Every structure is written in structure tokens, then in C-alpha cells.
């Protein structure tokens, strides 16, 4: 489980403009370049999301599957 920090809308836009997203949904995206790989060799990415007018950045990288299964950002 990842932890999240609150970021500004400007930071959100900056992260979106860095690279083409590796994945994108209606609530956020994975930054295009993997941060690392998990024990199964799956790439993991920094996640950035927008919920209720607030913006958040993940402190730990997520796989594409973990990102698609997001239910809660705290």
C-alpha cells in the first residue's frame, strides 16, 4: 500500500507534461518512466491523481495493475 502526499495543481501538470503517461484514467496517471521493478519484474511507476479538487502524488511506485485497482488515496 502506498502513502500519498498532497501536491499543487501546478505539480500535477508538471508531472503530466514530463513524459507520456504509462497509464491514464479519469482520476490520474502513471508517470511514463518506471521508478523500479517489483520482485516479479513488473515495472512500477510514480502515480499522480486528482480527487475532489485536490491533487496527490504516491510516495511508493505502483504497478499498472495496482494503479487500476486503486480504491482509496490517503
PDB file of N, CA and C in Angstrom:
ATOM      1  N   UNK A   1       0.849  -1.177   0.000  1.00  0.00           N
ATOM      2  CA  UNK A   1       0.000   0.000   0.000  1.00  0.00           C
ATOM      3  C   UNK A   1       0.895   1.241   0.000  1.00  0.00           C
ATOM      4  N   UNK A   2       0.553   2.160  -0.832  1.00  0.00           N
ATOM      5  CA  UNK A   2       1.343   3.380  -0.923  1.00  0.00           C
ATOM      6  C   UNK A   2       0.772   4.475  -0.022  1.00  0.00           C
ATOM      7  N   UNK A   3       1.605   5.411   0.318  1.00  0.00           N
ATOM      8  CA  UNK A   3       1.143   6.613   1.010  1.00  0.00           C
ATOM      9  C   UNK A   3       1.149   7.749  -0.005  1.00  0.00           C
ATOM     10  N   UNK A   4       0.371   8.767   0.269  1.00  0.00           N
ATOM     11  CA  UNK A   4       0.180   9.860  -0.671  1.00  0.00           C
ATOM     12  C   UNK A   4       0.496  11.188  -0.007  1.00  0.00           C
ATOM     13  N   UNK A   5       1.069  12.107  -0.793  1.00  0.00           N
ATOM     14  CA  UNK A   5       1.263  13.474  -0.313  1.00  0.00           C
ATOM     15  C   UNK A   5       0.410  14.400  -1.177  1.00  0.00           C
ATOM     16  N   UNK A   6      -0.063  15.457  -0.589  1.00  0.00           N
ATOM     17  CA  UNK A   6      -0.822  16.463  -1.321  1.00  0.00           C
ATOM     18  C   UNK A   6       0.153  17.315  -2.125  1.00  0.00           C
ATOM     19  N   UNK A   7      -0.192  17.560  -3.375  1.00  0.00           N
ATOM     20  CA  UNK A   7       0.627  18.397  -4.254  1.00  0.00           C
ATOM     21  C   UNK A   7      -0.252  19.500  -4.843  1.00  0.00           C
ATOM     22  N   UNK A   8       0.359  20.441  -5.513  1.00  0.00           N
ATOM     23  CA  UNK A   8      -0.376  21.522  -6.169  1.00  0.00           C
ATOM     24  C   UNK A   8      -0.833  21.084  -7.555  1.00  0.00           C
ATOM     25  N   UNK A   9      -1.766  21.829  -8.092  1.00  0.00           N
ATOM     26  CA  UNK A   9      -2.207  21.577  -9.461  1.00  0.00           C
ATOM     27  C   UNK A   9      -1.044  21.788 -10.434  1.00  0.00           C
ATOM     28  N   UNK A  10      -0.174  22.755 -10.120  1.00  0.00           N
ATOM     29  CA  UNK A  10       0.998  23.011 -10.964  1.00  0.00           C
ATOM     30  C   UNK A  10       1.924  21.790 -10.998  1.00  0.00           C
ATOM     31  N   UNK A  11       2.118  21.154  -9.846  1.00  0.00           N
ATOM     32  CA  UNK A  11       2.956  19.946  -9.794  1.00  0.00           C
ATOM     33  C   UNK A  11       2.301  18.822 -10.600  1.00  0.00           C
ATOM     34  N   UNK A  12       0.992  18.671 -10.464  1.00  0.00           N
ATOM     35  CA  UNK A  12       0.251  17.677 -11.243  1.00  0.00           C
ATOM     36  C   UNK A  12       0.504  17.891 -12.736  1.00  0.00           C
ATOM     37  N   UNK A  13       0.329  19.135 -13.207  1.00  0.00           N
ATOM     38  CA  UNK A  13       0.534  19.466 -14.620  1.00  0.00           C
ATOM     39  C   UNK A  13       1.980  19.221 -15.053  1.00  0.00           C
ATOM     40  N   UNK A  14       2.923  19.554 -14.167  1.00  0.00           N
ATOM     41  CA  UNK A  14       4.345  19.327 -14.459  1.00  0.00           C
ATOM     42  C   UNK A  14       4.623  17.842 -14.656  1.00  0.00           C
ATOM     43  N   UNK A  15       4.093  17.020 -13.758  1.00  0.00           N
ATOM     44  CA  UNK A  15       4.302  15.567 -13.856  1.00  0.00           C
ATOM     45  C   UNK A  15       3.647  15.008 -15.122  1.00  0.00           C
ATOM     46  N   UNK A  16       2.477  15.533 -15.466  1.00  0.00           N
ATOM     47  CA  UNK A  16       1.779  15.080 -16.674  1.00  0.00           C
ATOM     48  C   UNK A  16       2.560  15.436 -17.933  1.00  0.00           C
ATOM     49  N   UNK A  17       3.246  16.576 -17.900  1.00  0.00           N
ATOM     50  CA  UNK A  17       3.980  17.027 -19.068  1.00  0.00           C
ATOM     51  C   UNK A  17       5.383  16.453 -19.213  1.00  0.00           C
ATOM     52  N   UNK A  18       5.874  15.743 -18.192  1.00  0.00           N
ATOM     53  CA  UNK A  18       7.244  15.206 -18.231  1.00  0.00           C
ATOM     54  C   UNK A  18       7.434  14.195 -19.352  1.00  0.00           C
ATOM     55  N   UNK A  19       6.621  13.174 -19.332  1.00  0.00           N
ATOM     56  CA  UNK A  19       6.695  12.076 -20.285  1.00  0.00           C
ATOM     57  C   UNK A  19       5.276  11.636 -20.610  1.00  0.00           C
ATOM     58  N   UNK A  20       5.126  10.931 -21.693  1.00  0.00           N
ATOM     59  CA  UNK A  20       3.821  10.347 -21.993  1.00  0.00           C
ATOM     60  C   UNK A  20       3.458   9.384 -20.864  1.00  0.00           C
ATOM     61  N   UNK A  21       2.238   9.488 -20.300  1.00  0.00           N
ATOM     62  CA  UNK A  21       1.871   8.606 -19.186  1.00  0.00           C
ATOM     63  C   UNK A  21       1.940   7.126 -19.570  1.00  0.00           C
ATOM     64  N   UNK A  22       2.357   6.309 -18.618  1.00  0.00           N
ATOM     65  CA  UNK A  22       2.386   4.864 -18.822  1.00  0.00           C
ATOM     66  C   UNK A  22       0.974   4.298 -18.759  1.00  0.00           C
ATOM     67  N   UNK A  23       0.096   4.961 -18.013  1.00  0.00           N
ATOM     68  CA  UNK A  23      -1.323   4.601 -17.914  1.00  0.00           C
ATOM     69  C   UNK A  23      -2.067   5.854 -17.485  1.00  0.00           C
ATOM     70  N   UNK A  24      -3.330   5.948 -17.906  1.00  0.00           N
ATOM     71  CA  UNK A  24      -4.118   7.121 -17.547  1.00  0.00           C
ATOM     72  C   UNK A  24      -5.559   6.693 -17.335  1.00  0.00           C
ATOM     73  N   UNK A  25      -6.184   7.279 -16.321  1.00  0.00           N
ATOM     74  CA  UNK A  25      -7.591   7.026 -16.029  1.00  0.00           C
ATOM     75  C   UNK A  25      -8.286   8.375 -15.880  1.00  0.00           C
ATOM     76  N   UNK A  26      -9.551   8.359 -15.529  1.00  0.00           N
ATOM     77  CA  UNK A  26     -10.275   9.593 -15.313  1.00  0.00           C
ATOM     78  C   UNK A  26      -9.833  10.345 -14.076  1.00  0.00           C
ATOM     79  N   UNK A  27      -9.081   9.690 -13.188  1.00  0.00           N
ATOM     80  CA  UNK A  27      -8.661  10.336 -11.945  1.00  0.00           C
ATOM     81  C   UNK A  27      -7.162  10.568 -11.844  1.00  0.00           C
ATOM     82  N   UNK A  28      -6.371  10.081 -12.786  1.00  0.00           N
ATOM     83  CA  UNK A  28      -4.935  10.305 -12.688  1.00  0.00           C
ATOM     84  C   UNK A  28      -4.132   9.511 -13.701  1.00  0.00           C
ATOM     85  N   UNK A  29      -2.833   9.392 -13.423  1.00  0.00           N
ATOM     86  CA  UNK A  29      -1.941   8.743 -14.382  1.00  0.00           C
ATOM     87  C   UNK A  29      -0.698   8.198 -13.686  1.00  0.00           C
ATOM     88  N   UNK A  30       0.007   7.339 -14.414  1.00  0.00           N
ATOM     89  CA  UNK A  30       1.323   6.853 -14.005  1.00  0.00           C
ATOM     90  C   UNK A  30       2.355   7.586 -14.844  1.00  0.00           C
ATOM     91  N   UNK A  31       3.373   8.149 -14.208  1.00  0.00           N
ATOM     92  CA  UNK A  31       4.440   8.848 -14.921  1.00  0.00           C
ATOM     93  C   UNK A  31       5.135   7.841 -15.831  1.00  0.00           C
ATOM     94  N   UNK A  32       5.431   8.225 -17.063  1.00  0.00           N
ATOM     95  CA  UNK A  32       5.864   7.331 -18.128  1.00  0.00           C
ATOM     96  C   UNK A  32       7.097   6.483 -17.933  1.00  0.00           C
ATOM     97  N   UNK A  33       8.010   6.861 -17.094  1.00  0.00           N
ATOM     98  CA  UNK A  33       9.253   6.102 -16.898  1.00  0.00           C
ATOM     99  C   UNK A  33       9.164   5.314 -15.591  1.00  0.00           C
ATOM    100  N   UNK A  34       9.421   3.980 -15.623  1.00  0.00           N
ATOM    101  CA  UNK A  34       9.363   3.213 -14.378  1.00  0.00           C
ATOM    102  C   UNK A  34      10.383   3.707 -13.346  1.00  0.00           C
ATOM    103  N   UNK A  35       9.981   3.677 -12.083  1.00  0.00           N
ATOM    104  CA  UNK A  35      10.892   4.008 -10.979  1.00  0.00           C
ATOM    105  C   UNK A  35      11.781   2.827 -10.643  1.00  0.00           C
ATOM    106  N   UNK A  36      11.185   1.638 -10.709  1.00  0.00           N
ATOM    107  CA  UNK A  36      11.897   0.403 -10.426  1.00  0.00           C
ATOM    108  C   UNK A  36      11.032  -0.762 -10.894  1.00  0.00           C
ATOM    109  N   UNK A  37      11.369  -1.960 -10.447  1.00  0.00           N
ATOM    110  CA  UNK A  37      10.592  -3.164 -10.767  1.00  0.00           C
ATOM    111  C   UNK A  37      10.354  -3.940  -9.479  1.00  0.00           C
ATOM    112  N   UNK A  38       9.192  -4.603  -9.413  1.00  0.00           N
ATOM    113  CA  UNK A  38       8.911  -5.397  -8.221  1.00  0.00           C
ATOM    114  C   UNK A  38       9.617  -6.747  -8.299  1.00  0.00           C
ATOM    115  N   UNK A  39       9.382  -7.593  -7.314  1.00  0.00           N
ATOM    116  CA  UNK A  39      10.059  -8.893  -7.228  1.00  0.00           C
ATOM    117  C   UNK A  39       9.710  -9.824  -8.392  1.00  0.00           C
ATOM    118  N   UNK A  40       8.609  -9.552  -9.101  1.00  0.00           N
ATOM    119  CA  UNK A  40       8.218 -10.363 -10.272  1.00  0.00           C
ATOM    120  C   UNK A  40       8.683  -9.740 -11.580  1.00  0.00           C
ATOM    121  N   UNK A  41       9.454  -8.652 -11.476  1.00  0.00           N
ATOM    122  CA  UNK A  41       9.977  -7.995 -12.661  1.00  0.00           C
ATOM    123  C   UNK A  41       9.018  -7.021 -13.324  1.00  0.00           C
ATOM    124  N   UNK A  42       7.884  -6.740 -12.682  1.00  0.00           N
ATOM    125  CA  UNK A  42       6.923  -5.797 -13.244  1.00  0.00           C
ATOM    126  C   UNK A  42       7.377  -4.369 -12.980  1.00  0.00           C
ATOM    127  N   UNK A  43       7.304  -3.497 -13.993  1.00  0.00           N
ATOM    128  CA  UNK A  43       7.692  -2.104 -13.776  1.00  0.00           C
ATOM    129  C   UNK A  43       6.732  -1.413 -12.810  1.00  0.00           C
ATOM    130  N   UNK A  44       7.285  -0.514 -11.991  1.00  0.00           N
ATOM    131  CA  UNK A  44       6.481   0.275 -11.056  1.00  0.00           C
ATOM    132  C   UNK A  44       6.727   1.750 -11.332  1.00  0.00           C
ATOM    133  N   UNK A  45       5.669   2.541 -11.221  1.00  0.00           N
ATOM    134  CA  UNK A  45       5.690   3.942 -11.633  1.00  0.00           C
ATOM    135  C   UNK A  45       5.194   4.852 -10.515  1.00  0.00           C
ATOM    136  N   UNK A  46       5.636   6.099 -10.526  1.00  0.00           N
ATOM    137  CA  UNK A  46       5.075   7.146  -9.664  1.00  0.00           C
ATOM    138  C   UNK A  46       3.652   7.396 -10.150  1.00  0.00           C
ATOM    139  N   UNK A  47       2.698   7.484  -9.218  1.00  0.00           N
ATOM    140  CA  UNK A  47       1.303   7.755  -9.565  1.00  0.00           C
ATOM    141  C   UNK A  47       0.932   9.168  -9.120  1.00  0.00           C
ATOM    142  N   UNK A  48       0.092   9.820  -9.920  1.00  0.00           N
ATOM    143  CA  UNK A  48      -0.399  11.160  -9.615  1.00  0.00           C
ATOM    144  C   UNK A  48      -1.906  11.140  -9.883  1.00  0.00           C
ATOM    145  N   UNK A  49      -2.691  11.605  -8.893  1.00  0.00           N
ATOM    146  CA  UNK A  49      -4.144  11.561  -9.024  1.00  0.00           C
ATOM    147  C   UNK A  49      -4.785  12.878  -8.593  1.00  0.00           C
ATOM    148  N   UNK A  50      -6.010  13.064  -9.078  1.00  0.00           N
ATOM    149  CA  UNK A  50      -6.824  14.221  -8.687  1.00  0.00           C
ATOM    150  C   UNK A  50      -8.140  13.675  -8.153  1.00  0.00           C
ATOM    151  N   UNK A  51      -8.476  14.054  -6.931  1.00  0.00           N
ATOM    152  CA  UNK A  51      -9.722  13.616  -6.310  1.00  0.00           C
ATOM    153  C   UNK A  51     -10.354  14.779  -5.565  1.00  0.00           C
ATOM    154  N   UNK A  52     -11.601  15.068  -5.859  1.00  0.00           N
ATOM    155  CA  UNK A  52     -12.312  16.120  -5.159  1.00  0.00           C
ATOM    156  C   UNK A  52     -11.628  17.470  -5.192  1.00  0.00           C
ATOM    157  N   UNK A  53     -11.000  17.803  -6.313  1.00  0.00           N
ATOM    158  CA  UNK A  53     -10.331  19.090  -6.434  1.00  0.00           C
ATOM    159  C   UNK A  53      -8.972  19.170  -5.768  1.00  0.00           C
ATOM    160  N   UNK A  54      -8.499  18.059  -5.199  1.00  0.00           N
ATOM    161  CA  UNK A  54      -7.166  18.006  -4.598  1.00  0.00           C
ATOM    162  C   UNK A  54      -6.284  17.094  -5.441  1.00  0.00           C
ATOM    163  N   UNK A  55      -4.972  17.309  -5.336  1.00  0.00           N
ATOM    164  CA  UNK A  55      -4.003  16.567  -6.134  1.00  0.00           C
ATOM    165  C   UNK A  55      -3.051  15.823  -5.204  1.00  0.00           C
ATOM    166  N   UNK A  56      -2.693  14.587  -5.595  1.00  0.00           N
ATOM    167  CA  UNK A  56      -1.862  13.728  -4.752  1.00  0.00           C
ATOM    168  C   UNK A  56      -0.813  13.015  -5.595  1.00  0.00           C
ATOM    169  N   UNK A  57       0.334  12.757  -4.959  1.00  0.00           N
ATOM    170  CA  UNK A  57       1.437  12.009  -5.582  1.00  0.00           C
ATOM    171  C   UNK A  57       1.786  10.836  -4.678  1.00  0.00           C
ATOM    172  N   UNK A  58       1.986   9.670  -5.284  1.00  0.00           N
ATOM    173  CA  UNK A  58       2.326   8.484  -4.497  1.00  0.00           C
ATOM    174  C   UNK A  58       3.764   8.556  -3.999  1.00  0.00           C
ATOM    175  N   UNK A  59       3.987   8.086  -2.803  1.00  0.00           N
ATOM    176  CA  UNK A  59       5.337   8.042  -2.241  1.00  0.00           C
ATOM    177  C   UNK A  59       6.058   6.754  -2.615  1.00  0.00           C
ATOM    178  N   UNK A  60       5.314   5.701  -2.908  1.00  0.00           N
ATOM    179  CA  UNK A  60       5.884   4.450  -3.376  1.00  0.00           C
ATOM    180  C   UNK A  60       5.343   4.188  -4.782  1.00  0.00           C
ATOM    181  N   UNK A  61       6.160   3.631  -5.638  1.00  0.00           N
ATOM    182  CA  UNK A  61       5.698   3.371  -7.003  1.00  0.00           C
ATOM    183  C   UNK A  61       4.665   2.237  -7.038  1.00  0.00           C
ATOM    184  N   UNK A  62       3.834   2.262  -8.085  1.00  0.00           N
ATOM    185  CA  UNK A  62       2.772   1.283  -8.278  1.00  0.00           C
ATOM    186  C   UNK A  62       2.935   0.581  -9.622  1.00  0.00           C
ATOM    187  N   UNK A  63       2.513  -0.683  -9.695  1.00  0.00           N
ATOM    188  CA  UNK A  63       2.434  -1.363 -10.987  1.00  0.00           C
ATOM    189  C   UNK A  63       1.173  -0.872 -11.701  1.00  0.00           C
ATOM    190  N   UNK A  64       1.066  -1.177 -12.977  1.00  0.00           N
ATOM    191  CA  UNK A  64      -0.140  -0.803 -13.719  1.00  0.00           C
ATOM    192  C   UNK A  64      -1.374  -1.433 -13.081  1.00  0.00           C
ATOM    193  N   UNK A  65      -1.259  -2.691 -12.664  1.00  0.00           N
ATOM    194  CA  UNK A  65      -2.395  -3.377 -12.041  1.00  0.00           C
ATOM    195  C   UNK A  65      -2.791  -2.708 -10.722  1.00  0.00           C
ATOM    196  N   UNK A  66      -1.818  -2.394  -9.881  1.00  0.00           N
ATOM    197  CA  UNK A  66      -2.123  -1.721  -8.611  1.00  0.00           C
ATOM    198  C   UNK A  66      -2.825  -0.389  -8.860  1.00  0.00           C
ATOM    199  N   UNK A  67      -2.365   0.345  -9.867  1.00  0.00           N
ATOM    200  CA  UNK A  67      -2.970   1.624 -10.203  1.00  0.00           C
ATOM    201  C   UNK A  67      -4.418   1.442 -10.660  1.00  0.00           C
ATOM    202  N   UNK A  68      -4.658   0.439 -11.494  1.00  0.00           N
ATOM    203  CA  UNK A  68      -6.016   0.217 -12.000  1.00  0.00           C
ATOM    204  C   UNK A  68      -6.970  -0.236 -10.898  1.00  0.00           C
ATOM    205  N   UNK A  69      -6.421  -0.777  -9.807  1.00  0.00           N
ATOM    206  CA  UNK A  69      -7.246  -1.264  -8.696  1.00  0.00           C
ATOM    207  C   UNK A  69      -7.374  -0.255  -7.550  1.00  0.00           C
ATOM    208  N   UNK A  70      -6.845   0.960  -7.734  1.00  0.00           N
ATOM    209  CA  UNK A  70      -6.921   1.969  -6.672  1.00  0.00           C
ATOM    210  C   UNK A  70      -8.348   2.196  -6.227  1.00  0.00           C
ATOM    211  N   UNK A  71      -8.546   2.217  -4.928  1.00  0.00           N
ATOM    212  CA  UNK A  71      -9.867   2.488  -4.359  1.00  0.00           C
ATOM    213  C   UNK A  71      -9.821   3.653  -3.380  1.00  0.00           C
ATOM    214  N   UNK A  72      -8.655   3.909  -2.806  1.00  0.00           N
ATOM    215  CA  UNK A  72      -8.580   4.893  -1.742  1.00  0.00           C
ATOM    216  C   UNK A  72      -7.214   5.586  -1.763  1.00  0.00           C
ATOM    217  N   UNK A  73      -7.238   6.889  -1.651  1.00  0.00           N
ATOM    218  CA  UNK A  73      -5.995   7.668  -1.564  1.00  0.00           C
ATOM    219  C   UNK A  73      -6.007   8.364  -0.213  1.00  0.00           C
ATOM    220  N   UNK A  74      -5.072   8.046   0.631  1.00  0.00           N
ATOM    221  CA  UNK A  74      -4.972   8.659   1.966  1.00  0.00           C
ATOM    222  C   UNK A  74      -3.547   9.021   2.259  1.00  0.00           C
TER     223      UNK A  74
END
